[in-house]
């Protein structure tokens, strides 16, 4: 079930990016084409407080090296991929488990 939710969220993020691209039309084409939103950008748009809290907790209580470069790198990747790839992996693992 979590895999399905992540996959749907990834598709929704991709849909949002495509919708933004179609709305901008020629302006986006002149600027270099389709822009895929970064995972950190999407997270900040949805709930900036939780992003800041997560950074503080990871850096203070877990391991500062985990935030930069590991999590920071993931937050710079396209949100559609960060959500959809683990979703597909979980769905595949779930289907293997049922077999």
N, C-alpha and C. Protein backbone atom coordinates (compact mmCIF):
# COMPACT_ATOMS: atom_id res chain seq x y z
N UNK A 1 0.83 -1.19 0.00
CA UNK A 1 0.00 0.00 0.00
C UNK A 1 0.88 1.26 0.00
N UNK A 2 1.96 1.26 0.77
CA UNK A 2 2.85 2.42 0.81
C UNK A 2 3.48 2.63 -0.57
N UNK A 3 3.82 1.52 -1.24
CA UNK A 3 4.39 1.63 -2.58
C UNK A 3 3.43 2.31 -3.54
N UNK A 4 2.17 1.96 -3.46
CA UNK A 4 1.17 2.58 -4.33
C UNK A 4 1.00 4.06 -4.05
N UNK A 5 1.03 4.42 -2.78
CA UNK A 5 0.90 5.84 -2.41
C UNK A 5 2.11 6.63 -2.92
N UNK A 6 3.32 6.06 -2.76
CA UNK A 6 4.52 6.75 -3.25
C UNK A 6 4.50 6.88 -4.76
N UNK A 7 4.07 5.82 -5.44
CA UNK A 7 4.00 5.88 -6.91
C UNK A 7 3.00 6.95 -7.35
N UNK A 8 1.85 7.00 -6.72
CA UNK A 8 0.85 8.03 -7.06
C UNK A 8 1.38 9.44 -6.76
N UNK A 9 2.10 9.59 -5.66
CA UNK A 9 2.68 10.89 -5.34
C UNK A 9 3.72 11.29 -6.38
N UNK A 10 4.52 10.33 -6.83
CA UNK A 10 5.50 10.61 -7.87
C UNK A 10 4.84 11.02 -9.18
N UNK A 11 3.76 10.32 -9.53
CA UNK A 11 3.02 10.69 -10.74
C UNK A 11 2.36 12.06 -10.59
N UNK A 12 1.89 12.37 -9.40
CA UNK A 12 1.30 13.69 -9.17
C UNK A 12 2.36 14.78 -9.30
N UNK A 13 3.55 14.54 -8.78
CA UNK A 13 4.64 15.52 -8.91
C UNK A 13 5.01 15.72 -10.37
N UNK A 14 5.08 14.63 -11.12
CA UNK A 14 5.37 14.74 -12.55
C UNK A 14 4.25 15.47 -13.27
N UNK A 15 3.01 15.17 -12.91
CA UNK A 15 1.87 15.86 -13.51
C UNK A 15 1.91 17.36 -13.23
N UNK A 16 2.28 17.73 -12.01
CA UNK A 16 2.40 19.14 -11.67
C UNK A 16 3.46 19.83 -12.53
N UNK A 17 4.61 19.17 -12.67
CA UNK A 17 5.68 19.74 -13.48
C UNK A 17 5.26 19.89 -14.94
N UNK A 18 4.56 18.89 -15.46
CA UNK A 18 4.09 18.96 -16.85
C UNK A 18 3.03 20.05 -17.01
N UNK A 19 2.17 20.20 -16.01
CA UNK A 19 1.14 21.24 -16.07
C UNK A 19 1.80 22.63 -16.05
N UNK A 20 2.78 22.81 -15.19
CA UNK A 20 3.50 24.09 -15.14
C UNK A 20 4.19 24.37 -16.48
N UNK A 21 4.76 23.32 -17.06
CA UNK A 21 5.45 23.46 -18.34
C UNK A 21 4.47 23.85 -19.44
N UNK A 22 3.28 23.24 -19.46
CA UNK A 22 2.30 23.56 -20.49
C UNK A 22 1.73 24.96 -20.30
N UNK A 23 1.61 25.42 -19.05
CA UNK A 23 1.11 26.76 -18.78
C UNK A 23 2.10 27.83 -19.25
N UNK A 24 3.37 27.57 -19.07
CA UNK A 24 4.38 28.54 -19.44
C UNK A 24 4.67 28.53 -20.94
N UNK A 25 4.51 27.37 -21.57
CA UNK A 25 4.64 27.25 -23.01
C UNK A 25 5.96 27.75 -23.56
N UNK A 26 5.88 28.79 -24.36
CA UNK A 26 7.06 29.27 -25.08
C UNK A 26 8.10 29.87 -24.14
N UNK A 27 7.68 30.41 -23.00
CA UNK A 27 8.65 30.96 -22.04
C UNK A 27 9.57 29.87 -21.51
N UNK A 28 9.00 28.71 -21.20
CA UNK A 28 9.80 27.59 -20.69
C UNK A 28 10.68 27.01 -21.79
N UNK A 29 10.18 26.95 -23.00
CA UNK A 29 10.97 26.41 -24.10
C UNK A 29 12.19 27.28 -24.33
N UNK A 30 12.03 28.59 -24.24
CA UNK A 30 13.16 29.50 -24.42
C UNK A 30 14.15 29.39 -23.26
N UNK A 31 13.65 29.02 -22.08
CA UNK A 31 14.50 28.93 -20.89
C UNK A 31 15.19 27.57 -20.77
N UNK A 32 14.96 26.67 -21.68
CA UNK A 32 15.66 25.39 -21.64
C UNK A 32 14.75 24.19 -21.50
N UNK A 33 13.47 24.34 -21.64
CA UNK A 33 12.57 23.19 -21.63
C UNK A 33 11.95 22.89 -20.28
N UNK A 34 11.59 21.63 -20.13
CA UNK A 34 10.87 21.17 -18.95
C UNK A 34 11.75 21.23 -17.70
N UNK A 35 11.20 21.78 -16.64
CA UNK A 35 11.90 21.85 -15.35
C UNK A 35 11.20 20.90 -14.40
N UNK A 36 11.93 19.89 -13.92
CA UNK A 36 11.37 18.97 -12.93
C UNK A 36 11.68 19.52 -11.53
N UNK A 37 10.67 19.64 -10.72
CA UNK A 37 10.84 20.17 -9.36
C UNK A 37 11.70 19.24 -8.54
N UNK A 38 12.62 19.82 -7.79
CA UNK A 38 13.47 19.03 -6.89
C UNK A 38 12.63 18.58 -5.70
N UNK A 39 13.01 17.47 -5.09
CA UNK A 39 12.28 16.94 -3.95
C UNK A 39 12.26 17.94 -2.80
N UNK A 40 13.38 18.61 -2.55
CA UNK A 40 13.44 19.61 -1.49
C UNK A 40 12.56 20.81 -1.78
N UNK A 41 12.50 21.19 -3.04
CA UNK A 41 11.64 22.30 -3.46
C UNK A 41 10.17 21.97 -3.22
N UNK A 42 9.77 20.76 -3.58
CA UNK A 42 8.39 20.32 -3.37
C UNK A 42 8.07 20.24 -1.88
N UNK A 43 8.98 19.66 -1.11
CA UNK A 43 8.78 19.54 0.34
C UNK A 43 8.65 20.92 0.96
N UNK A 44 9.49 21.87 0.54
CA UNK A 44 9.42 23.22 1.09
C UNK A 44 8.09 23.89 0.74
N UNK A 45 7.61 23.66 -0.48
CA UNK A 45 6.32 24.23 -0.88
C UNK A 45 5.18 23.66 -0.06
N UNK A 46 5.26 22.38 0.26
CA UNK A 46 4.17 21.73 1.00
C UNK A 46 4.20 22.02 2.49
N UNK A 47 5.40 21.98 3.11
CA UNK A 47 5.48 22.18 4.56
C UNK A 47 6.90 22.56 4.96
N UNK A 48 7.25 23.85 4.88
CA UNK A 48 8.63 24.27 5.15
C UNK A 48 9.09 24.00 6.58
N UNK A 49 8.19 24.05 7.52
CA UNK A 49 8.57 23.82 8.92
C UNK A 49 9.09 22.42 9.16
N UNK A 50 8.47 21.42 8.53
CA UNK A 50 8.92 20.05 8.74
C UNK A 50 10.27 19.80 8.06
N UNK A 51 10.53 20.48 6.96
CA UNK A 51 11.84 20.35 6.32
C UNK A 51 12.93 20.91 7.23
N UNK A 52 12.69 22.08 7.79
CA UNK A 52 13.66 22.68 8.72
C UNK A 52 13.84 21.83 9.97
N UNK A 53 12.76 21.29 10.50
CA UNK A 53 12.84 20.43 11.68
C UNK A 53 13.64 19.17 11.38
N UNK A 54 13.40 18.57 10.23
CA UNK A 54 14.13 17.36 9.84
C UNK A 54 15.62 17.64 9.74
N UNK A 55 15.96 18.77 9.14
CA UNK A 55 17.38 19.12 9.03
C UNK A 55 17.99 19.27 10.42
N UNK A 56 17.32 19.96 11.31
CA UNK A 56 17.85 20.18 12.66
C UNK A 56 18.02 18.86 13.41
N UNK A 57 17.03 17.99 13.33
CA UNK A 57 17.10 16.71 14.04
C UNK A 57 18.24 15.85 13.49
N UNK A 58 18.35 15.77 12.18
CA UNK A 58 19.41 14.95 11.58
C UNK A 58 20.78 15.49 11.95
N UNK A 59 20.96 16.79 11.85
CA UNK A 59 22.28 17.37 12.12
C UNK A 59 22.64 17.35 13.61
N UNK A 60 21.68 17.54 14.49
CA UNK A 60 22.00 17.63 15.92
C UNK A 60 22.02 16.28 16.61
N UNK A 61 21.05 15.41 16.28
CA UNK A 61 20.86 14.20 17.07
C UNK A 61 21.28 12.92 16.36
N UNK A 62 21.32 12.92 15.05
CA UNK A 62 21.69 11.70 14.34
C UNK A 62 23.14 11.74 13.89
N UNK A 63 23.37 12.44 12.77
CA UNK A 63 24.72 12.51 12.24
C UNK A 63 24.79 13.65 11.23
N UNK A 64 25.59 14.68 11.48
CA UNK A 64 25.65 15.82 10.55
C UNK A 64 26.04 15.41 9.13
N UNK A 65 26.90 14.39 9.01
CA UNK A 65 27.34 13.94 7.69
C UNK A 65 26.21 13.28 6.91
N UNK A 66 25.16 12.87 7.59
CA UNK A 66 24.01 12.27 6.92
C UNK A 66 23.21 13.33 6.16
N UNK A 67 23.14 14.55 6.71
CA UNK A 67 22.40 15.60 6.03
C UNK A 67 23.15 16.08 4.79
N UNK A 68 24.40 16.43 4.97
CA UNK A 68 25.20 16.90 3.83
C UNK A 68 26.43 16.03 3.73
N UNK A 69 26.53 15.22 2.74
CA UNK A 69 25.99 15.29 1.39
C UNK A 69 24.84 14.34 1.08
N UNK A 70 24.50 13.37 1.94
CA UNK A 70 23.57 12.31 1.56
C UNK A 70 22.15 12.83 1.33
N UNK A 71 21.49 13.32 2.37
CA UNK A 71 20.09 13.75 2.23
C UNK A 71 19.96 15.00 1.37
N UNK A 72 20.92 15.89 1.44
CA UNK A 72 20.88 17.09 0.61
C UNK A 72 20.94 16.72 -0.87
N UNK A 73 21.73 15.73 -1.21
CA UNK A 73 21.81 15.26 -2.59
C UNK A 73 20.46 14.71 -3.05
N UNK A 74 19.83 13.91 -2.22
CA UNK A 74 18.52 13.34 -2.57
C UNK A 74 17.48 14.45 -2.72
N UNK A 75 17.54 15.47 -1.88
CA UNK A 75 16.58 16.58 -1.97
C UNK A 75 16.77 17.40 -3.24
N UNK A 76 17.91 17.30 -3.89
CA UNK A 76 18.14 18.02 -5.15
C UNK A 76 17.71 17.22 -6.37
N UNK A 77 17.42 15.94 -6.20
CA UNK A 77 16.94 15.11 -7.30
C UNK A 77 15.49 15.45 -7.62
N UNK A 78 15.02 15.12 -8.83
CA UNK A 78 13.62 15.38 -9.19
C UNK A 78 12.65 14.65 -8.25
N UNK A 79 11.65 15.38 -7.79
CA UNK A 79 10.69 14.83 -6.83
C UNK A 79 9.96 13.63 -7.39
N UNK A 80 9.64 13.64 -8.68
CA UNK A 80 8.93 12.52 -9.28
C UNK A 80 9.73 11.23 -9.14
N UNK A 81 11.04 11.31 -9.33
CA UNK A 81 11.87 10.11 -9.20
C UNK A 81 12.06 9.69 -7.75
N UNK A 82 12.24 10.67 -6.86
CA UNK A 82 12.45 10.36 -5.44
C UNK A 82 11.23 9.66 -4.86
N UNK A 83 10.06 9.97 -5.36
CA UNK A 83 8.84 9.35 -4.86
C UNK A 83 8.49 8.06 -5.61
N UNK A 84 8.59 8.09 -6.94
CA UNK A 84 8.12 6.96 -7.75
C UNK A 84 9.05 5.74 -7.69
N UNK A 85 10.35 5.94 -7.67
CA UNK A 85 11.27 4.80 -7.69
C UNK A 85 11.13 3.93 -6.44
N UNK A 86 11.14 4.51 -5.23
CA UNK A 86 10.89 3.64 -4.06
C UNK A 86 9.49 3.02 -4.08
N UNK A 87 8.52 3.74 -4.63
CA UNK A 87 7.18 3.19 -4.74
C UNK A 87 7.14 1.97 -5.64
N UNK A 88 7.82 2.05 -6.78
CA UNK A 88 7.89 0.90 -7.67
C UNK A 88 8.65 -0.26 -7.02
N UNK A 89 9.71 0.05 -6.31
CA UNK A 89 10.48 -0.99 -5.63
C UNK A 89 9.63 -1.70 -4.57
N UNK A 90 8.87 -0.94 -3.81
CA UNK A 90 8.02 -1.55 -2.78
C UNK A 90 6.91 -2.37 -3.41
N UNK A 91 6.34 -1.90 -4.51
CA UNK A 91 5.31 -2.68 -5.20
C UNK A 91 5.90 -3.97 -5.75
N UNK A 92 7.11 -3.90 -6.29
CA UNK A 92 7.76 -5.11 -6.81
C UNK A 92 8.06 -6.10 -5.68
N UNK A 93 8.56 -5.60 -4.56
CA UNK A 93 8.83 -6.48 -3.42
C UNK A 93 7.55 -7.11 -2.90
N UNK A 94 6.48 -6.34 -2.88
CA UNK A 94 5.21 -6.88 -2.42
C UNK A 94 4.67 -7.95 -3.34
N UNK A 95 4.85 -7.79 -4.64
CA UNK A 95 4.36 -8.81 -5.57
C UNK A 95 5.23 -10.06 -5.51
N UNK A 96 6.52 -9.92 -5.24
CA UNK A 96 7.39 -11.10 -5.08
C UNK A 96 7.02 -11.88 -3.83
N UNK A 97 6.67 -11.14 -2.80
CA UNK A 97 6.34 -11.77 -1.53
C UNK A 97 5.05 -12.59 -1.62
N UNK A 98 4.11 -12.13 -2.43
CA UNK A 98 2.84 -12.83 -2.60
C UNK A 98 2.99 -14.10 -3.41
N UNK A 99 3.97 -14.14 -4.28
CA UNK A 99 4.15 -15.30 -5.18
C UNK A 99 4.62 -16.53 -4.45
